[in-house]
Amino acid sequence: MSTEIPDPLEGFDATIHAPNRLRICALLDAAGEAEFGLVQNQLGVSASALSKHVTVLMDAGYVEQRKAVRNTRQRVWLRLTPRGRDAYQGHLAALRAIVGSSDPSL
């Protein structure tokens, strides 16, 4: 009977790994939920570029959006899904394994 040690690189996620998508996940993980415009400002990208990245994350089931009218304008809030949070945390663990850090705060 052999017990396999899980490969820490299994959590590496190419969908999340793209720099702006990684930053989106990090922001949403910390904030819980954030308005589209805030995410756009934090990343310093155009609305269309952010929309493309969010669409990729939504298609993967990692991000969901909530739309509502605020001050007579349509607003969109973004948040990680439970699946997205798990994928993001797994990706961080894989990155730590790659760089050899045992400090989870990195």
N, C-alpha and C. Protein backbone atom coordinates (compact mmCIF):
# COMPACT_ATOMS: atom_id res chain seq x y z
N MET A 1 0.85 -1.18 0.00
CA MET A 1 0.00 0.00 0.00
C MET A 1 0.89 1.24 0.00
N SER A 2 0.73 2.05 -1.02
CA SER A 2 1.56 3.25 -1.10
C SER A 2 0.70 4.49 -0.89
N THR A 3 1.24 5.40 -0.15
CA THR A 3 0.56 6.67 0.03
C THR A 3 1.29 7.70 -0.81
N GLU A 4 0.58 8.24 -1.75
CA GLU A 4 1.19 9.24 -2.64
C GLU A 4 1.16 10.60 -1.98
N ILE A 5 2.26 11.26 -2.10
CA ILE A 5 2.33 12.65 -1.61
C ILE A 5 1.77 13.52 -2.72
N PRO A 6 0.79 14.38 -2.38
CA PRO A 6 0.22 15.23 -3.42
C PRO A 6 1.26 16.18 -4.00
N ASP A 7 1.20 16.36 -5.28
CA ASP A 7 2.12 17.26 -5.97
C ASP A 7 1.66 18.69 -5.74
N PRO A 8 2.47 19.52 -5.08
CA PRO A 8 2.04 20.90 -4.81
C PRO A 8 1.85 21.70 -6.10
N LEU A 9 2.43 21.23 -7.19
CA LEU A 9 2.27 21.96 -8.45
C LEU A 9 0.93 21.66 -9.11
N GLU A 10 0.19 20.69 -8.58
CA GLU A 10 -1.11 20.38 -9.14
C GLU A 10 -2.03 21.59 -9.13
N GLY A 11 -1.85 22.47 -8.17
CA GLY A 11 -2.71 23.63 -8.05
C GLY A 11 -2.39 24.75 -9.02
N PHE A 12 -1.28 24.61 -9.77
CA PHE A 12 -0.92 25.66 -10.72
C PHE A 12 -2.04 25.80 -11.74
N ASP A 13 -2.51 27.02 -11.92
CA ASP A 13 -3.66 27.26 -12.79
C ASP A 13 -3.30 28.31 -13.83
N ALA A 14 -3.16 27.87 -15.08
CA ALA A 14 -2.77 28.77 -16.16
C ALA A 14 -3.80 29.87 -16.39
N THR A 15 -5.06 29.59 -16.09
CA THR A 15 -6.10 30.61 -16.25
C THR A 15 -5.86 31.76 -15.29
N ILE A 16 -5.53 31.45 -14.06
CA ILE A 16 -5.29 32.48 -13.04
C ILE A 16 -3.92 33.13 -13.22
N HIS A 17 -2.96 32.39 -13.74
CA HIS A 17 -1.56 32.83 -13.74
C HIS A 17 -1.29 34.10 -14.55
N ALA A 18 -2.08 34.39 -15.56
CA ALA A 18 -1.86 35.63 -16.33
C ALA A 18 -1.84 36.80 -15.34
N PRO A 19 -0.86 37.69 -15.45
CA PRO A 19 -0.66 38.72 -14.42
C PRO A 19 -1.93 39.49 -14.01
N ASN A 20 -2.69 39.99 -14.97
CA ASN A 20 -3.87 40.76 -14.58
C ASN A 20 -4.95 39.89 -13.95
N ARG A 21 -5.08 38.65 -14.40
CA ARG A 21 -6.07 37.76 -13.78
C ARG A 21 -5.63 37.38 -12.37
N LEU A 22 -4.34 37.20 -12.16
CA LEU A 22 -3.83 36.93 -10.82
C LEU A 22 -4.11 38.12 -9.91
N ARG A 23 -3.90 39.30 -10.41
CA ARG A 23 -4.17 40.52 -9.62
C ARG A 23 -5.65 40.68 -9.32
N ILE A 24 -6.51 40.33 -10.28
CA ILE A 24 -7.96 40.39 -10.05
C ILE A 24 -8.33 39.43 -8.93
N CYS A 25 -7.83 38.21 -9.00
CA CYS A 25 -8.13 37.21 -7.97
C CYS A 25 -7.62 37.66 -6.61
N ALA A 26 -6.42 38.22 -6.57
CA ALA A 26 -5.85 38.69 -5.30
C ALA A 26 -6.71 39.79 -4.70
N LEU A 27 -7.12 40.73 -5.53
CA LEU A 27 -7.95 41.83 -5.05
C LEU A 27 -9.29 41.32 -4.54
N LEU A 28 -9.93 40.42 -5.29
CA LEU A 28 -11.24 39.91 -4.88
C LEU A 28 -11.12 39.00 -3.67
N ASP A 29 -10.03 38.27 -3.54
CA ASP A 29 -9.83 37.43 -2.37
C ASP A 29 -9.74 38.29 -1.12
N ALA A 30 -9.04 39.40 -1.22
CA ALA A 30 -8.87 40.30 -0.08
C ALA A 30 -10.14 41.10 0.22
N ALA A 31 -10.82 41.57 -0.83
CA ALA A 31 -11.96 42.46 -0.65
C ALA A 31 -13.28 41.72 -0.46
N GLY A 32 -13.37 40.51 -0.95
CA GLY A 32 -14.65 39.80 -0.92
C GLY A 32 -15.47 40.12 -2.14
N GLU A 33 -15.71 41.39 -2.35
CA GLU A 33 -16.46 41.87 -3.52
C GLU A 33 -15.96 43.27 -3.85
N ALA A 34 -15.88 43.59 -5.14
CA ALA A 34 -15.41 44.92 -5.53
C ALA A 34 -16.14 45.37 -6.78
N GLU A 35 -16.38 46.65 -6.86
CA GLU A 35 -17.06 47.23 -8.02
C GLU A 35 -16.09 47.24 -9.20
N PHE A 36 -16.61 46.98 -10.38
CA PHE A 36 -15.82 46.87 -11.60
C PHE A 36 -14.87 48.06 -11.76
N GLY A 37 -15.37 49.27 -11.57
CA GLY A 37 -14.55 50.47 -11.73
C GLY A 37 -13.39 50.53 -10.75
N LEU A 38 -13.60 50.06 -9.53
CA LEU A 38 -12.53 50.02 -8.54
C LEU A 38 -11.44 49.05 -8.99
N VAL A 39 -11.85 47.87 -9.46
CA VAL A 39 -10.88 46.88 -9.94
C VAL A 39 -10.11 47.46 -11.12
N GLN A 40 -10.82 48.12 -12.01
CA GLN A 40 -10.18 48.74 -13.18
C GLN A 40 -9.13 49.76 -12.74
N ASN A 41 -9.49 50.62 -11.78
CA ASN A 41 -8.55 51.62 -11.29
C ASN A 41 -7.35 50.98 -10.60
N GLN A 42 -7.58 49.95 -9.80
CA GLN A 42 -6.49 49.29 -9.08
C GLN A 42 -5.50 48.64 -10.04
N LEU A 43 -6.02 48.07 -11.13
CA LEU A 43 -5.15 47.39 -12.10
C LEU A 43 -4.56 48.36 -13.12
N GLY A 44 -5.20 49.52 -13.30
CA GLY A 44 -4.71 50.48 -14.28
C GLY A 44 -4.89 50.00 -15.71
N VAL A 45 -6.01 49.34 -15.97
CA VAL A 45 -6.30 48.82 -17.31
C VAL A 45 -7.58 49.45 -17.84
N SER A 46 -7.79 49.33 -19.14
CA SER A 46 -9.03 49.84 -19.74
C SER A 46 -10.19 48.94 -19.34
N ALA A 47 -11.39 49.49 -19.46
CA ALA A 47 -12.60 48.71 -19.16
C ALA A 47 -12.68 47.48 -20.06
N SER A 48 -12.32 47.63 -21.33
CA SER A 48 -12.42 46.49 -22.25
C SER A 48 -11.40 45.41 -21.89
N ALA A 49 -10.19 45.80 -21.48
CA ALA A 49 -9.18 44.81 -21.09
C ALA A 49 -9.64 44.07 -19.83
N LEU A 50 -10.16 44.81 -18.85
CA LEU A 50 -10.64 44.17 -17.63
C LEU A 50 -11.81 43.24 -17.95
N SER A 51 -12.70 43.69 -18.80
CA SER A 51 -13.85 42.87 -19.18
C SER A 51 -13.42 41.54 -19.79
N LYS A 52 -12.40 41.58 -20.63
CA LYS A 52 -11.89 40.34 -21.25
C LYS A 52 -11.33 39.39 -20.20
N HIS A 53 -10.57 39.91 -19.25
CA HIS A 53 -10.01 39.07 -18.20
C HIS A 53 -11.11 38.50 -17.30
N VAL A 54 -12.08 39.34 -16.98
CA VAL A 54 -13.19 38.89 -16.13
C VAL A 54 -13.99 37.81 -16.86
N THR A 55 -14.18 37.96 -18.16
CA THR A 55 -14.91 36.95 -18.93
C THR A 55 -14.19 35.61 -18.88
N VAL A 56 -12.87 35.60 -19.01
CA VAL A 56 -12.10 34.36 -18.92
C VAL A 56 -12.31 33.72 -17.54
N LEU A 57 -12.23 34.53 -16.49
CA LEU A 57 -12.41 34.02 -15.13
C LEU A 57 -13.84 33.54 -14.89
N MET A 58 -14.81 34.23 -15.46
CA MET A 58 -16.21 33.80 -15.34
C MET A 58 -16.44 32.50 -16.09
N ASP A 59 -15.88 32.39 -17.29
CA ASP A 59 -16.03 31.16 -18.08
C ASP A 59 -15.45 29.95 -17.36
N ALA A 60 -14.42 30.18 -16.55
CA ALA A 60 -13.79 29.11 -15.77
C ALA A 60 -14.58 28.82 -14.49
N GLY A 61 -15.57 29.66 -14.19
CA GLY A 61 -16.35 29.48 -12.97
C GLY A 61 -15.68 30.06 -11.74
N TYR A 62 -14.71 30.95 -11.94
CA TYR A 62 -13.93 31.49 -10.83
C TYR A 62 -14.46 32.82 -10.30
N VAL A 63 -15.14 33.57 -11.15
CA VAL A 63 -15.64 34.90 -10.76
C VAL A 63 -17.11 34.98 -11.16
N GLU A 64 -17.87 35.68 -10.32
CA GLU A 64 -19.26 35.97 -10.68
C GLU A 64 -19.47 37.47 -10.53
N GLN A 65 -20.48 37.94 -11.23
CA GLN A 65 -20.77 39.37 -11.14
C GLN A 65 -22.20 39.58 -10.69
N ARG A 66 -22.39 40.71 -10.05
CA ARG A 66 -23.71 41.13 -9.59
C ARG A 66 -23.94 42.51 -10.17
N LYS A 67 -25.08 42.68 -10.83
CA LYS A 67 -25.39 43.97 -11.44
C LYS A 67 -26.52 44.62 -10.66
N ALA A 68 -26.41 45.93 -10.50
CA ALA A 68 -27.45 46.69 -9.83
C ALA A 68 -27.36 48.14 -10.28
N VAL A 69 -28.46 48.85 -10.13
CA VAL A 69 -28.47 50.27 -10.46
C VAL A 69 -28.16 51.05 -9.19
N ARG A 70 -27.20 51.95 -9.32
CA ARG A 70 -26.82 52.81 -8.19
C ARG A 70 -26.64 54.22 -8.75
N ASN A 71 -27.29 55.18 -8.13
CA ASN A 71 -27.24 56.57 -8.61
C ASN A 71 -27.60 56.65 -10.09
N THR A 72 -28.66 55.96 -10.45
CA THR A 72 -29.21 55.89 -11.82
C THR A 72 -28.26 55.29 -12.85
N ARG A 73 -27.18 54.67 -12.40
CA ARG A 73 -26.23 54.05 -13.33
C ARG A 73 -26.11 52.56 -13.02
N GLN A 74 -25.95 51.79 -14.07
CA GLN A 74 -25.72 50.36 -13.92
C GLN A 74 -24.33 50.14 -13.34
N ARG A 75 -24.24 49.39 -12.26
CA ARG A 75 -22.96 49.06 -11.64
C ARG A 75 -22.79 47.55 -11.65
N VAL A 76 -21.54 47.12 -11.72
CA VAL A 76 -21.23 45.70 -11.70
C VAL A 76 -20.24 45.45 -10.57
N TRP A 77 -20.57 44.50 -9.71
CA TRP A 77 -19.68 44.09 -8.63
C TRP A 77 -19.16 42.70 -8.96
N LEU A 78 -17.91 42.47 -8.65
CA LEU A 78 -17.26 41.19 -8.93
C LEU A 78 -16.88 40.52 -7.62
N ARG A 79 -16.92 39.18 -7.62
CA ARG A 79 -16.47 38.41 -6.46
C ARG A 79 -16.02 37.04 -6.93
N LEU A 80 -15.10 36.45 -6.15
CA LEU A 80 -14.66 35.10 -6.43
C LEU A 80 -15.77 34.13 -6.02
N THR A 81 -15.95 33.09 -6.79
CA THR A 81 -16.84 32.01 -6.40
C THR A 81 -16.07 31.12 -5.43
N PRO A 82 -16.75 30.23 -4.72
CA PRO A 82 -16.00 29.28 -3.88
C PRO A 82 -14.98 28.49 -4.70
N ARG A 83 -15.35 28.09 -5.90
CA ARG A 83 -14.42 27.38 -6.78
C ARG A 83 -13.24 28.27 -7.14
N GLY A 84 -13.50 29.55 -7.40
CA GLY A 84 -12.45 30.50 -7.73
C GLY A 84 -11.51 30.73 -6.57
N ARG A 85 -12.06 30.82 -5.37
CA ARG A 85 -11.22 31.02 -4.17
C ARG A 85 -10.31 29.80 -3.97
N ASP A 86 -10.88 28.60 -4.14
CA ASP A 86 -10.08 27.38 -4.01
C ASP A 86 -8.98 27.34 -5.07
N ALA A 87 -9.33 27.68 -6.31
CA ALA A 87 -8.34 27.67 -7.40
C ALA A 87 -7.24 28.70 -7.14
N TYR A 88 -7.62 29.87 -6.66
CA TYR A 88 -6.64 30.92 -6.36
C TYR A 88 -5.70 30.47 -5.24
N GLN A 89 -6.26 29.91 -4.17
CA GLN A 89 -5.43 29.44 -3.05
C GLN A 89 -4.51 28.30 -3.50
N GLY A 90 -5.02 27.41 -4.34
CA GLY A 90 -4.20 26.33 -4.87
C GLY A 90 -3.08 26.85 -5.75
N HIS A 91 -3.39 27.88 -6.53
CA HIS A 91 -2.38 28.48 -7.39
C HIS A 91 -1.28 29.14 -6.55
N LEU A 92 -1.68 29.85 -5.49
CA LEU A 92 -0.67 30.45 -4.60
C LEU A 92 0.22 29.39 -3.98
N ALA A 93 -0.37 28.28 -3.56
CA ALA A 93 0.41 27.19 -2.97
C ALA A 93 1.41 26.64 -4.00
N ALA A 94 0.96 26.51 -5.24
CA ALA A 94 1.85 26.02 -6.30
C ALA A 94 2.99 27.01 -6.54
N LEU A 95 2.69 28.29 -6.55
CA LEU A 95 3.74 29.30 -6.75
C LEU A 95 4.75 29.26 -5.61
N ARG A 96 4.26 29.08 -4.38
CA ARG A 96 5.17 28.98 -3.23
C ARG A 96 6.08 27.75 -3.38
N ALA A 97 5.50 26.64 -3.86
CA ALA A 97 6.28 25.41 -4.06
C ALA A 97 7.35 25.63 -5.14
N ILE A 98 7.00 26.38 -6.18
CA ILE A 98 7.95 26.63 -7.25
C ILE A 98 9.13 27.47 -6.76
N VAL A 99 8.84 28.48 -5.98
CA VAL A 99 9.93 29.35 -5.52
C VAL A 99 10.59 28.82 -4.26
N GLY A 100 10.05 27.75 -3.70
CA GLY A 100 10.69 27.11 -2.56
C GLY A 100 10.46 27.80 -1.24
N SER A 101 9.42 28.59 -1.13
CA SER A 101 9.17 29.30 0.12
C SER A 101 8.30 28.44 1.04
N SER A 102 8.69 28.37 2.29
CA SER A 102 7.84 27.68 3.27
C SER A 102 7.03 28.69 4.07
N ASP A 103 7.20 29.96 3.75
CA ASP A 103 6.47 31.02 4.45
C ASP A 103 5.18 31.30 3.70
N PRO A 104 4.00 30.90 4.25
CA PRO A 104 2.73 31.10 3.55
C PRO A 104 2.31 32.56 3.42
N SER A 105 3.02 33.46 4.10
CA SER A 105 2.67 34.88 3.97
C SER A 105 3.24 35.49 2.70
N LEU A 106 4.08 34.75 1.99
CA LEU A 106 4.66 35.26 0.73
C LEU A 106 3.79 34.93 -0.44
